[in-house]
C-alpha atoms as a PDB file:
ATOM      1  CA  MET A   1    -154.705 -99.748-157.836  1.00  0.00           C
ATOM      2  CA  THR A   2    -155.926-100.178-161.279  1.00  0.00           C
ATOM      3  CA  ASP A   3    -154.455-102.009-164.319  1.00  0.00           C
ATOM      4  CA  LYS A   4    -154.439 -98.643-166.224  1.00  0.00           C
ATOM      5  CA  MET A   5    -153.127 -96.068-164.174  1.00  0.00           C
ATOM      6  CA  LYS A   6    -154.104 -92.241-164.402  1.00  0.00           C
ATOM      7  CA  TYR A   7    -151.257 -89.822-164.271  1.00  0.00           C
ATOM      8  CA  GLY A   8    -150.983 -86.284-163.518  1.00  0.00           C
ATOM      9  CA  ILE A   9    -148.114 -84.219-164.703  1.00  0.00           C
ATOM     10  CA  ILE A  10    -147.475 -80.826-162.432  1.00  0.00           C
ATOM     11  CA  GLY A  11    -145.161 -78.822-164.426  1.00  0.00           C
ATOM     12  CA  THR A  12    -145.682 -79.453-168.172  1.00  0.00           C
ATOM     13  CA  GLY A  13    -142.020 -78.073-169.032  1.00  0.00           C
ATOM     14  CA  ALA A  14    -138.654 -79.462-170.636  1.00  0.00           C
ATOM     15  CA  ILE A  15    -138.886 -82.684-168.048  1.00  0.00           C
ATOM     16  CA  GLY A  16    -142.387 -83.103-167.419  1.00  0.00           C
ATOM     17  CA  GLY A  17    -143.325 -82.477-171.179  1.00  0.00           C
ATOM     18  CA  TYR A  18    -141.042 -84.793-172.286  1.00  0.00           C
ATOM     19  CA  TYR A  19    -141.994 -88.001-169.988  1.00  0.00           C
ATOM     20  CA  GLY A  20    -145.987 -86.938-170.104  1.00  0.00           C
ATOM     21  CA  ALA A  21    -145.706 -86.665-174.051  1.00  0.00           C
ATOM     22  CA  LYS A  22    -144.095 -89.804-173.952  1.00  0.00           C
ATOM     23  CA  LEU A  23    -146.577 -91.613-171.578  1.00  0.00           C
ATOM     24  CA  ALA A  24    -149.364 -90.131-173.512  1.00  0.00           C
ATOM     25  CA  TYR A  25    -148.098 -90.969-176.821  1.00  0.00           C
ATOM     26  CA  ALA A  26    -148.072 -94.913-175.830  1.00  0.00           C
ATOM     27  CA  GLY A  27    -151.469 -94.577-174.878  1.00  0.00           C
ATOM     28  CA  LYS A  28    -151.470 -93.873-171.021  1.00  0.00           C
ATOM     29  CA  GLU A  29    -154.142 -91.526-169.388  1.00  0.00           C
ATOM     30  CA  ILE A  30    -152.276 -88.457-168.874  1.00  0.00           C
ATOM     31  CA  HIS A  31    -153.509 -84.950-167.433  1.00  0.00           C
ATOM     32  CA  PHE A  32    -151.148 -82.315-167.751  1.00  0.00           C
ATOM     33  CA  LEU A  33    -151.004 -79.006-165.702  1.00  0.00           C
ATOM     34  CA  LEU A  34    -149.901 -76.058-167.668  1.00  0.00           C
ATOM     35  CA  HIS A  35    -149.375 -72.343-166.843  1.00  0.00           C
ATOM     36  CA  SER A  36    -148.144 -69.991-169.281  1.00  0.00           C
ATOM     37  CA  ASP A  37    -148.679 -71.997-172.628  1.00  0.00           C
ATOM     38  CA  TYR A  38    -151.933 -73.566-171.531  1.00  0.00           C
ATOM     39  CA  GLU A  39    -153.980 -71.632-174.025  1.00  0.00           C
ATOM     40  CA  TYR A  40    -151.654 -72.670-177.047  1.00  0.00           C
ATOM     41  CA  VAL A  41    -151.230 -76.145-176.015  1.00  0.00           C
ATOM     42  CA  LYS A  42    -155.161 -76.482-175.410  1.00  0.00           C
ATOM     43  CA  GLU A  43    -155.734 -75.119-178.966  1.00  0.00           C
ATOM     44  CA  HIS A  44    -152.718 -76.423-180.796  1.00  0.00           C
ATOM     45  CA  GLY A  45    -151.574 -79.727-178.826  1.00  0.00           C
ATOM     46  CA  LEU A  46    -148.054 -80.849-177.899  1.00  0.00           C
ATOM     47  CA  GLN A  47    -144.961 -81.202-179.988  1.00  0.00           C
ATOM     48  CA  LEU A  48    -142.009 -83.390-179.025  1.00  0.00           C
ATOM     49  CA  ASN A  49    -138.855 -82.891-181.141  1.00  0.00           C
ATOM     50  CA  SER A  50    -136.495 -85.687-180.293  1.00  0.00           C
ATOM     51  CA  PRO A  51    -133.627 -87.645-182.080  1.00  0.00           C
ATOM     52  CA  ASP A  52    -135.280 -90.925-181.204  1.00  0.00           C
ATOM     53  CA  GLY A  53    -138.348 -90.040-182.913  1.00  0.00           C
ATOM     54  CA  SER A  54    -140.674 -86.582-183.057  1.00  0.00           C
ATOM     55  CA  PHE A  55    -144.477 -86.577-182.781  1.00  0.00           C
ATOM     56  CA  HIS A  56    -147.345 -84.398-181.839  1.00  0.00           C
ATOM     57  CA  LEU A  57    -150.027 -84.940-179.562  1.00  0.00           C
ATOM     58  CA  THR A  58    -153.071 -83.110-180.928  1.00  0.00           C
ATOM     59  CA  HIS A  59    -155.510 -83.748-178.246  1.00  0.00           C
ATOM     60  CA  VAL A  60    -153.908 -83.091-174.624  1.00  0.00           C
ATOM     61  CA  ASN A  61    -155.876 -83.205-171.479  1.00  0.00           C
ATOM     62  CA  ALA A  62    -154.841 -79.738-170.390  1.00  0.00           C
ATOM     63  CA  TYR A  63    -155.559 -77.877-167.123  1.00  0.00           C
ATOM     64  CA  GLN A  64    -155.147 -74.466-165.948  1.00  0.00           C
ATOM     65  CA  ASP A  65    -156.091 -75.215-162.290  1.00  0.00           C
ATOM     66  CA  VAL A  66    -155.696 -78.660-160.123  1.00  0.00           C
ATOM     67  CA  ALA A  67    -159.361 -78.334-159.119  1.00  0.00           C
ATOM     68  CA  GLU A  68    -160.315 -79.266-162.532  1.00  0.00           C
ATOM     69  CA  MET A  69    -158.221 -82.382-162.845  1.00  0.00           C
ATOM     70  CA  PRO A  70    -159.240 -85.897-161.876  1.00  0.00           C
ATOM     71  CA  GLN A  71    -157.861 -87.492-158.886  1.00  0.00           C
ATOM     72  CA  CYS A  72    -154.819 -89.673-160.302  1.00  0.00           C
ATOM     73  CA  ASP A  73    -152.749 -92.925-159.357  1.00  0.00           C
ATOM     74  CA  VAL A  74    -149.260 -91.388-159.731  1.00  0.00           C
ATOM     75  CA  VAL A  75    -148.524 -87.630-160.019  1.00  0.00           C
ATOM     76  CA  LEU A  76    -145.213 -86.910-161.636  1.00  0.00           C
ATOM     77  CA  VAL A  77    -143.829 -83.556-160.363  1.00  0.00           C
ATOM     78  CA  ALA A  78    -141.628 -81.562-162.635  1.00  0.00           C
ATOM     79  CA  LEU A  79    -141.610 -78.217-161.129  1.00  0.00           C
ATOM     80  CA  LYS A  80    -138.513 -76.255-159.887  1.00  0.00           C
ATOM     81  CA  SER A  81    -137.934 -76.484-156.794  1.00  0.00           C
ATOM     82  CA  VAL A  82    -138.236 -72.990-156.157  1.00  0.00           C
ATOM     83  CA  GLY A  83    -141.750 -73.553-156.266  1.00  0.00           C
ATOM     84  CA  GLU A  84    -142.061 -76.241-153.612  1.00  0.00           C
ATOM     85  CA  ASP A  85    -144.084 -74.515-151.328  1.00  0.00           C
ATOM     86  CA  MET A  86    -146.668 -74.674-153.970  1.00  0.00           C
ATOM     87  CA  LEU A  87    -147.288 -78.215-153.480  1.00  0.00           C
ATOM     88  CA  LYS A  88    -149.484 -77.709-150.604  1.00  0.00           C
ATOM     89  CA  GLU A  89    -152.106 -76.440-152.854  1.00  0.00           C
ATOM     90  CA  LEU A  90    -151.301 -78.497-155.680  1.00  0.00           C
ATOM     91  CA  LEU A  91    -151.339 -82.099-154.655  1.00  0.00           C
ATOM     92  CA  PRO A  92    -154.536 -82.228-152.346  1.00  0.00           C
ATOM     93  CA  PRO A  93    -157.019 -82.017-154.931  1.00  0.00           C
ATOM     94  CA  ILE A  94    -155.716 -84.934-157.188  1.00  0.00           C
ATOM     95  CA  VAL A  95    -154.054 -87.242-154.738  1.00  0.00           C
ATOM     96  CA  LYS A  96    -156.121 -90.198-153.394  1.00  0.00           C
ATOM     97  CA  PRO A  97    -154.788 -92.329-150.117  1.00  0.00           C
ATOM     98  CA  ASP A  98    -152.786 -94.594-152.281  1.00  0.00           C
ATOM     99  CA  THR A  99    -151.486 -92.161-154.889  1.00  0.00           C
ATOM    100  CA  LEU A 100    -147.584 -92.200-155.357  1.00  0.00           C
ATOM    101  CA  VAL A 101    -146.428 -88.769-155.950  1.00  0.00           C
ATOM    102  CA  VAL A 102    -143.001 -88.816-157.852  1.00  0.00           C
ATOM    103  CA  LEU A 103    -140.751 -85.688-157.442  1.00  0.00           C
ATOM    104  CA  ILE A 104    -138.787 -85.421-160.574  1.00  0.00           C
ATOM    105  CA  GLN A 105    -136.705 -82.536-159.225  1.00  0.00           C
ATOM    106  CA  ASN A 106    -132.906 -81.985-158.452  1.00  0.00           C
ATOM    107  CA  GLY A 107    -131.456 -81.470-155.116  1.00  0.00           C
ATOM    108  CA  ILE A 108    -131.400 -83.110-151.470  1.00  0.00           C
ATOM    109  CA  GLY A 109    -134.195 -82.785-148.875  1.00  0.00           C
ATOM    110  CA  LEU A 110    -137.039 -82.525-151.188  1.00  0.00           C
ATOM    111  CA  GLU A 111    -139.096 -85.683-150.089  1.00  0.00           C
ATOM    112  CA  SER A 112    -138.628 -85.019-146.368  1.00  0.00           C
ATOM    113  CA  ASP A 113    -139.994 -81.425-147.025  1.00  0.00           C
ATOM    114  CA  VAL A 114    -143.212 -82.536-148.810  1.00  0.00           C
ATOM    115  CA  ALA A 115    -143.549 -85.265-146.356  1.00  0.00           C
ATOM    116  CA  ALA A 116    -143.737 -82.499-143.560  1.00  0.00           C
ATOM    117  CA  MET A 117    -145.835 -80.471-145.641  1.00  0.00           C
ATOM    118  CA  LEU A 118    -148.361 -83.164-146.731  1.00  0.00           C
ATOM    119  CA  PRO A 119    -148.148 -86.234-143.979  1.00  0.00           C
ATOM    120  CA  GLY A 120    -149.409 -89.309-145.224  1.00  0.00           C
ATOM    121  CA  VAL A 121    -148.331 -88.762-148.819  1.00  0.00           C
ATOM    122  CA  GLN A 122    -146.579 -91.315-150.979  1.00  0.00           C
ATOM    123  CA  LEU A 123    -143.406 -90.063-152.219  1.00  0.00           C
ATOM    124  CA  ALA A 124    -140.593 -91.379-154.516  1.00  0.00           C
ATOM    125  CA  ALA A 125    -137.736 -89.520-156.155  1.00  0.00           C
ATOM    126  CA  GLY A 126    -137.535 -89.355-159.890  1.00  0.00           C
ATOM    127  CA  LEU A 127    -133.980 -88.990-161.062  1.00  0.00           C
ATOM    128  CA  ALA A 128    -133.961 -87.873-164.717  1.00  0.00           C
ATOM    129  CA  PHE A 129    -130.924 -88.099-166.900  1.00  0.00           C
ATOM    130  CA  ILE A 130    -131.811 -85.970-169.910  1.00  0.00           C
ATOM    131  CA  CYS A 131    -131.107 -83.163-172.160  1.00  0.00           C
ATOM    132  CA  SER A 132    -134.176 -81.257-173.011  1.00  0.00           C
ATOM    133  CA  ALA A 133    -135.562 -77.842-173.132  1.00  0.00           C
ATOM    134  CA  LYS A 134    -138.887 -75.886-173.509  1.00  0.00           C
ATOM    135  CA  THR A 135    -138.003 -72.269-175.407  1.00  0.00           C
ATOM    136  CA  LYS A 136    -141.255 -71.816-176.678  1.00  0.00           C
ATOM    137  CA  PRO A 137    -145.131 -72.593-176.012  1.00  0.00           C
ATOM    138  CA  GLY A 138    -145.949 -76.144-176.522  1.00  0.00           C
ATOM    139  CA  VAL A 139    -142.860 -77.257-177.604  1.00  0.00           C
ATOM    140  CA  VAL A 140    -140.536 -79.637-176.131  1.00  0.00           C
ATOM    141  CA  ASP A 141    -137.023 -80.183-177.788  1.00  0.00           C
ATOM    142  CA  HIS A 142    -135.402 -83.550-176.327  1.00  0.00           C
ATOM    143  CA  GLN A 143    -131.446 -83.489-177.275  1.00  0.00           C
ATOM    144  CA  GLU A 144    -130.205 -86.773-175.933  1.00  0.00           C
ATOM    145  CA  LEU A 145    -130.317 -89.267-173.001  1.00  0.00           C
ATOM    146  CA  GLY A 146    -133.841 -89.651-171.070  1.00  0.00           C
ATOM    147  CA  MET A 147    -133.521 -92.376-168.388  1.00  0.00           C
ATOM    148  CA  ILE A 148    -135.194 -92.050-165.378  1.00  0.00           C
ATOM    149  CA  ASN A 149    -134.488 -93.737-162.065  1.00  0.00           C
ATOM    150  CA  ILE A 150    -137.073 -94.232-159.197  1.00  0.00           C
ATOM    151  CA  ALA A 151    -136.526 -94.335-155.696  1.00  0.00           C
ATOM    152  CA  ASP A 152    -138.787 -95.079-152.855  1.00  0.00           C
ATOM    153  CA  PHE A 153    -139.069 -92.781-150.187  1.00  0.00           C
ATOM    154  CA  ASN A 154    -142.110 -93.796-148.120  1.00  0.00           C
ATOM    155  CA  CYS A 155    -144.183 -95.963-150.665  1.00  0.00           C
ATOM    156  CA  LYS A 156    -146.498 -98.503-148.856  1.00  0.00           C
ATOM    157  CA  ASP A 157    -147.229-100.660-151.860  1.00  0.00           C
ATOM    158  CA  GLN A 158    -144.241-101.506-154.302  1.00  0.00           C
ATOM    159  CA  ARG A 159    -146.724-102.582-156.920  1.00  0.00           C
ATOM    160  CA  ILE A 160    -147.508 -99.101-158.085  1.00  0.00           C
ATOM    161  CA  ILE A 161    -143.686 -98.556-158.768  1.00  0.00           C
ATOM    162  CA  GLU A 162    -143.603-101.788-160.470  1.00  0.00           C
ATOM    163  CA  LYS A 163    -146.383-100.717-162.721  1.00  0.00           C
ATOM    164  CA  LEU A 164    -144.711 -97.358-163.139  1.00  0.00           C
ATOM    165  CA  LEU A 165    -141.827 -98.967-164.249  1.00  0.00           C
ATOM    166  CA  ALA A 166    -143.702-101.033-166.706  1.00  0.00           C
ATOM    167  CA  ASP A 167    -145.621 -98.133-167.893  1.00  0.00           C
ATOM    168  CA  PHE A 168    -142.309 -96.120-168.712  1.00  0.00           C
ATOM    169  CA  THR A 169    -140.794 -99.190-170.375  1.00  0.00           C
ATOM    170  CA  GLU A 170    -143.838 -99.620-172.722  1.00  0.00           C
ATOM    171  CA  SER A 171    -143.390 -95.916-173.573  1.00  0.00           C
ATOM    172  CA  GLY A 172    -139.886 -95.894-174.693  1.00  0.00           C
ATOM    173  CA  ILE A 173    -138.410 -94.736-171.488  1.00  0.00           C
ATOM    174  CA  GLN A 174    -135.439 -96.587-169.956  1.00  0.00           C
ATOM    175  CA  ALA A 175    -136.628 -96.654-166.084  1.00  0.00           C
ATOM    176  CA  ARG A 176    -135.381 -98.817-163.336  1.00  0.00           C
ATOM    177  CA  GLN A 177    -135.781 -98.721-159.308  1.00  0.00           C
ATOM    178  CA  VAL A 178    -132.623 -97.593-157.236  1.00  0.00           C
ATOM    179  CA  GLU A 179    -131.859 -96.922-153.498  1.00  0.00           C
ATOM    180  CA  TYR A 180    -133.213 -93.601-152.400  1.00  0.00           C
ATOM    181  CA  HIS A 181    -130.095 -91.798-150.596  1.00  0.00           C
ATOM    182  CA  GLU A 182    -127.602 -93.114-152.943  1.00  0.00           C
ATOM    183  CA  ALA A 183    -129.747 -92.096-156.105  1.00  0.00           C
ATOM    184  CA  ARG A 184    -130.155 -88.650-154.981  1.00  0.00           C
ATOM    185  CA  TRP A 185    -126.536 -88.007-154.222  1.00  0.00           C
ATOM    186  CA  LYS A 186    -125.299 -89.640-157.205  1.00  0.00           C
ATOM    187  CA  LYS A 187    -127.419 -87.122-159.192  1.00  0.00           C
ATOM    188  CA  ALA A 188    -125.967 -84.315-157.211  1.00  0.00           C
ATOM    189  CA  VAL A 189    -122.446 -85.468-158.223  1.00  0.00           C
ATOM    190  CA  TRP A 190    -123.383 -84.307-161.533  1.00  0.00           C
ATOM    191  CA  ASN A 191    -125.768 -81.320-160.936  1.00  0.00           C
ATOM    192  CA  MET A 192    -123.697 -79.476-158.054  1.00  0.00           C
ATOM    193  CA  PRO A 193    -120.532 -78.893-160.472  1.00  0.00           C
ATOM    194  CA  PHE A 194    -122.178 -78.082-163.744  1.00  0.00           C
ATOM    195  CA  ASN A 195    -125.121 -76.235-163.036  1.00  0.00           C
ATOM    196  CA  GLY A 196    -123.492 -73.733-160.784  1.00  0.00           C
ATOM    197  CA  LEU A 197    -120.201 -73.458-162.760  1.00  0.00           C
ATOM    198  CA  THR A 198    -122.160 -72.772-166.065  1.00  0.00           C
ATOM    199  CA  VAL A 199    -123.845 -69.815-164.137  1.00  0.00           C
ATOM    200  CA  VAL A 200    -121.107 -68.358-162.770  1.00  0.00           C
ATOM    201  CA  LEU A 201    -118.695 -68.774-165.492  1.00  0.00           C
ATOM    202  CA  GLU A 202    -121.456 -68.063-168.293  1.00  0.00           C
ATOM    203  CA  THR A 203    -120.526 -71.049-170.281  1.00  0.00           C
ATOM    204  CA  THR A 204    -121.739 -74.613-171.391  1.00  0.00           C
ATOM    205  CA  THR A 205    -120.667 -78.156-170.337  1.00  0.00           C
ATOM    206  CA  ASP A 206    -118.353 -78.763-173.252  1.00  0.00           C
ATOM    207  CA  LYS A 207    -116.420 -75.596-172.573  1.00  0.00           C
ATOM    208  CA  LEU A 208    -116.079 -76.565-169.067  1.00  0.00           C
ATOM    209  CA  LEU A 209    -114.524 -79.996-169.860  1.00  0.00           C
ATOM    210  CA  ALA A 210    -112.414 -78.484-172.774  1.00  0.00           C
ATOM    211  CA  HIS A 211    -110.181 -76.640-170.440  1.00  0.00           C
ATOM    212  CA  PRO A 212    -107.716 -78.306-168.261  1.00  0.00           C
ATOM    213  CA  ALA A 213    -108.123 -76.014-165.384  1.00  0.00           C
ATOM    214  CA  THR A 214    -112.010 -76.115-165.222  1.00  0.00           C
ATOM    215  CA  GLU A 215    -111.916 -80.095-166.093  1.00  0.00           C
ATOM    216  CA  GLY A 216    -109.966 -80.327-162.847  1.00  0.00           C
ATOM    217  CA  LEU A 217    -112.346 -77.963-160.838  1.00  0.00           C
ATOM    218  CA  VAL A 218    -115.621 -79.966-162.100  1.00  0.00           C
ATOM    219  CA  ARG A 219    -113.618 -83.199-161.105  1.00  0.00           C
ATOM    220  CA  ASP A 220    -112.690 -81.590-157.406  1.00  0.00           C
ATOM    221  CA  LEU A 221    -116.195 -80.572-156.972  1.00  0.00           C
ATOM    222  CA  MET A 222    -117.745 -84.013-157.879  1.00  0.00           C
ATOM    223  CA  ARG A 223    -115.187 -85.598-154.994  1.00  0.00           C
ATOM    224  CA  GLU A 224    -116.282 -83.107-152.283  1.00  0.00           C
ATOM    225  CA  VAL A 225    -119.898 -84.250-153.200  1.00  0.00           C
ATOM    226  CA  ILE A 226    -118.875 -87.781-153.101  1.00  0.00           C
ATOM    227  CA  ASP A 227    -117.001 -87.162-149.717  1.00  0.00           C
ATOM    228  CA  ALA A 228    -120.114 -85.681-148.230  1.00  0.00           C
ATOM    229  CA  ALA A 229    -122.308 -88.500-149.364  1.00  0.00           C
ATOM    230  CA  ARG A 230    -120.227 -90.842-147.590  1.00  0.00           C
ATOM    231  CA  ALA A 231    -120.242 -88.639-144.559  1.00  0.00           C
ATOM    232  CA  CYS A 232    -123.948 -89.004-144.802  1.00  0.00           C
ATOM    233  CA  GLY A 233    -123.883 -92.657-144.757  1.00  0.00           C
ATOM    234  CA  VAL A 234    -124.385 -93.144-148.754  1.00  0.00           C
ATOM    235  CA  LYS A 235    -122.442 -96.420-149.621  1.00  0.00           C
ATOM    236  CA  ASN A 236    -121.343 -97.639-153.278  1.00  0.00           C
ATOM    237  CA  LEU A 237    -120.136 -94.305-154.187  1.00  0.00           C
ATOM    238  CA  THR A 238    -116.590 -93.919-155.328  1.00  0.00           C
ATOM    239  CA  TYR A 239    -114.483 -91.316-156.990  1.00  0.00           C
ATOM    240  CA  GLU A 240    -114.879 -93.561-159.944  1.00  0.00           C
ATOM    241  CA  HIS A 241    -118.304 -92.271-160.213  1.00  0.00           C
ATOM    242  CA  ALA A 242    -116.961 -88.708-161.030  1.00  0.00           C
ATOM    243  CA  ASP A 243    -114.731 -90.065-163.755  1.00  0.00           C
ATOM    244  CA  GLN A 244    -117.776 -91.574-165.316  1.00  0.00           C
ATOM    245  CA  MET A 245    -119.935 -88.474-165.232  1.00  0.00           C
ATOM    246  CA  ILE A 246    -117.099 -86.314-166.820  1.00  0.00           C
ATOM    247  CA  SER A 247    -116.421 -89.131-169.394  1.00  0.00           C
ATOM    248  CA  MET A 248    -120.173 -89.113-170.006  1.00  0.00           C
ATOM    249  CA  THR A 249    -120.579 -85.246-170.311  1.00  0.00           C
ATOM    250  CA  LYS A 250    -117.841 -85.132-172.857  1.00  0.00           C
ATOM    251  CA  SER A 251    -119.790 -87.688-175.018  1.00  0.00           C
ATOM    252  CA  MET A 252    -122.841 -85.031-175.071  1.00  0.00           C
ATOM    253  CA  SER A 253    -123.566 -82.152-176.912  1.00  0.00           C
ATOM    254  CA  PRO A 254    -122.916 -78.833-175.811  1.00  0.00           C
ATOM    255  CA  TYR A 255    -125.319 -78.292-173.145  1.00  0.00           C
ATOM    256  CA  SER A 256    -126.914 -75.784-170.693  1.00  0.00           C
ATOM    257  CA  PRO A 257    -128.113 -77.164-167.560  1.00  0.00           C
ATOM    258  CA  SER A 258    -131.644 -76.267-166.150  1.00  0.00           C
ATOM    259  CA  MET A 259    -129.957 -73.465-163.877  1.00  0.00           C
ATOM    260  CA  LYS A 260    -127.810 -71.879-166.692  1.00  0.00           C
ATOM    261  CA  LEU A 261    -131.195 -71.547-168.562  1.00  0.00           C
ATOM    262  CA  ASP A 262    -132.995 -70.349-165.409  1.00  0.00           C
ATOM    263  CA  TYR A 263    -130.239 -67.645-165.344  1.00  0.00           C
ATOM    264  CA  ASP A 264    -130.204 -66.705-168.993  1.00  0.00           C
ATOM    265  CA  PHE A 265    -134.193 -66.272-168.831  1.00  0.00           C
ATOM    266  CA  ARG A 266    -133.870 -64.322-165.593  1.00  0.00           C
ATOM    267  CA  ARG A 267    -135.793 -66.854-163.573  1.00  0.00           C
ATOM    268  CA  PRO A 268    -135.260 -67.604-159.681  1.00  0.00           C
ATOM    269  CA  MET A 269    -132.374 -70.447-159.291  1.00  0.00           C
ATOM    270  CA  GLU A 270    -132.814 -73.617-157.524  1.00  0.00           C
ATOM    271  CA  VAL A 271    -129.747 -72.570-154.812  1.00  0.00           C
ATOM    272  CA  LYS A 272    -131.859 -73.971-151.839  1.00  0.00           C
ATOM    273  CA  TYR A 273    -132.110 -77.882-152.578  1.00  0.00           C
ATOM    274  CA  LEU A 274    -129.285 -78.095-155.153  1.00  0.00           C
ATOM    275  CA  TYR A 275    -126.645 -76.302-152.857  1.00  0.00           C
ATOM    276  CA  SER A 276    -127.868 -74.824-149.434  1.00  0.00           C
ATOM    277  CA  ARG A 277    -129.565 -78.212-148.302  1.00  0.00           C
ATOM    278  CA  PRO A 278    -126.907 -80.748-149.115  1.00  0.00           C
ATOM    279  CA  ILE A 279    -124.165 -78.406-147.526  1.00  0.00           C
ATOM    280  CA  GLU A 280    -126.328 -78.115-144.364  1.00  0.00           C
ATOM    281  CA  GLU A 281    -126.730 -82.071-144.643  1.00  0.00           C
ATOM    282  CA  ALA A 282    -123.261 -82.715-144.872  1.00  0.00           C
ATOM    283  CA  LEU A 283    -122.198 -80.129-142.010  1.00  0.00           C
ATOM    284  CA  LYS A 284    -124.739 -82.008-139.838  1.00  0.00           C
ATOM    285  CA  HIS A 285    -122.713 -85.228-140.304  1.00  0.00           C
ATOM    286  CA  GLY A 286    -119.263 -83.527-139.622  1.00  0.00           C
ATOM    287  CA  TYR A 287    -118.047 -83.052-143.412  1.00  0.00           C
ATOM    288  CA  GLU A 288    -117.722 -79.271-144.795  1.00  0.00           C
ATOM    289  CA  MET A 289    -118.149 -78.916-148.368  1.00  0.00           C
ATOM    290  CA  LYS A 290    -115.765 -75.759-148.685  1.00  0.00           C
ATOM    291  CA  LYS A 291    -115.816 -75.460-152.442  1.00  0.00           C
ATOM    292  CA  LEU A 292    -119.234 -75.809-153.055  1.00  0.00           C
ATOM    293  CA  LYS A 293    -120.043 -73.308-150.219  1.00  0.00           C
ATOM    294  CA  MET A 294    -118.153 -70.835-152.290  1.00  0.00           C
ATOM    295  CA  LEU A 295    -119.911 -71.590-155.164  1.00  0.00           C
ATOM    296  CA  GLU A 296    -123.203 -71.563-153.420  1.00  0.00           C
ATOM    297  CA  ALA A 297    -122.105 -67.917-152.233  1.00  0.00           C
ATOM    298  CA  GLU A 298    -121.188 -66.844-155.991  1.00  0.00           C
ATOM    299  CA  LEU A 299    -124.648 -68.010-157.415  1.00  0.00           C
ATOM    300  CA  LEU A 300    -126.631 -66.364-154.234  1.00  0.00           C
ATOM    301  CA  PHE A 301    -124.441 -63.082-155.444  1.00  0.00           C
ATOM    302  CA  LYS A 302    -125.215 -63.810-159.069  1.00  0.00           C
ATOM    303  CA  GLU A 303    -129.121 -64.221-158.280  1.00  0.00           C
ATOM    304  CA  LYS A 304    -129.029 -61.011-156.108  1.00  0.00           C
ATOM    305  CA  MET A 305    -127.567 -58.915-158.859  1.00  0.00           C
ATOM    306  CA  MET A 306    -130.101 -60.564-161.350  1.00  0.00           C
ATOM    307  CA  ILE A 307    -132.902 -59.368-159.208  1.00  0.00           C
ATOM    308  CA  ASP A 308    -131.697 -56.003-158.675  1.00  0.00           C
ATOM    309  CA  ASN A 309    -130.942 -55.381-162.252  1.00  0.00           C
ATOM    310  CA  SER A 310    -134.356 -56.633-163.683  1.00  0.00           C
END
């Protein structure tokens, strides 16, 4: 591991674009994999609009193909989990034996699936608490928040996580290390109610919490996630966390979570890792997530109708 780490960003969207741009603006060496807006970013650069300070990266190390990217010390994967199988081809060209791959993705079971796909790869979870969107080429609109938690899955050298956290901090990103299982399930406490409900009810987070009936439903779903996490052996997670998440969301600007944006733009939704896997994991440990299983069924129906009508 070198003093100055080389970063790869796989998925330069709302999340990868934000963290990658912040790191690059602070002088870190960042290599961005892009898809639809590669030509635009290569020519025009990358713009981050943020209440914390907007800036433009004129020169971006932009790539369309991982075969052209250098091997990196840290790879931040910010792809939607619907493309998880692509990591079998995307990661090997840019990963060394000591590279740390950080999955900044939502859901349960991601790291274990990638570890089975690519034995020996070092993995950590990246839990991003951020409101941001990328709705046009080369522009990331950051609304608020931005903290990221890093949870070690199977890293052999803790020094690389320490250096990663230091680089985030130097780039103006609040970051800390947390326990893996607790972190994944804590993130699910927010994600599972809000992502699904905003899709099936075609609304935003503020409207869900402005109505007593739907606020009660959000709280019930959060508590069901907490009960599932406890059944799976997670400690330090109580119903108080649900109250904290609701209070935090009420203070946020009106927001459409990533799944709602995917639905609005007629893109595949992350049902597998956000719903099906946690429901399966809980059931393995003797707990049935009845209300969230119903929400999963509604999302699968909405997705089927979306595909049929496209």
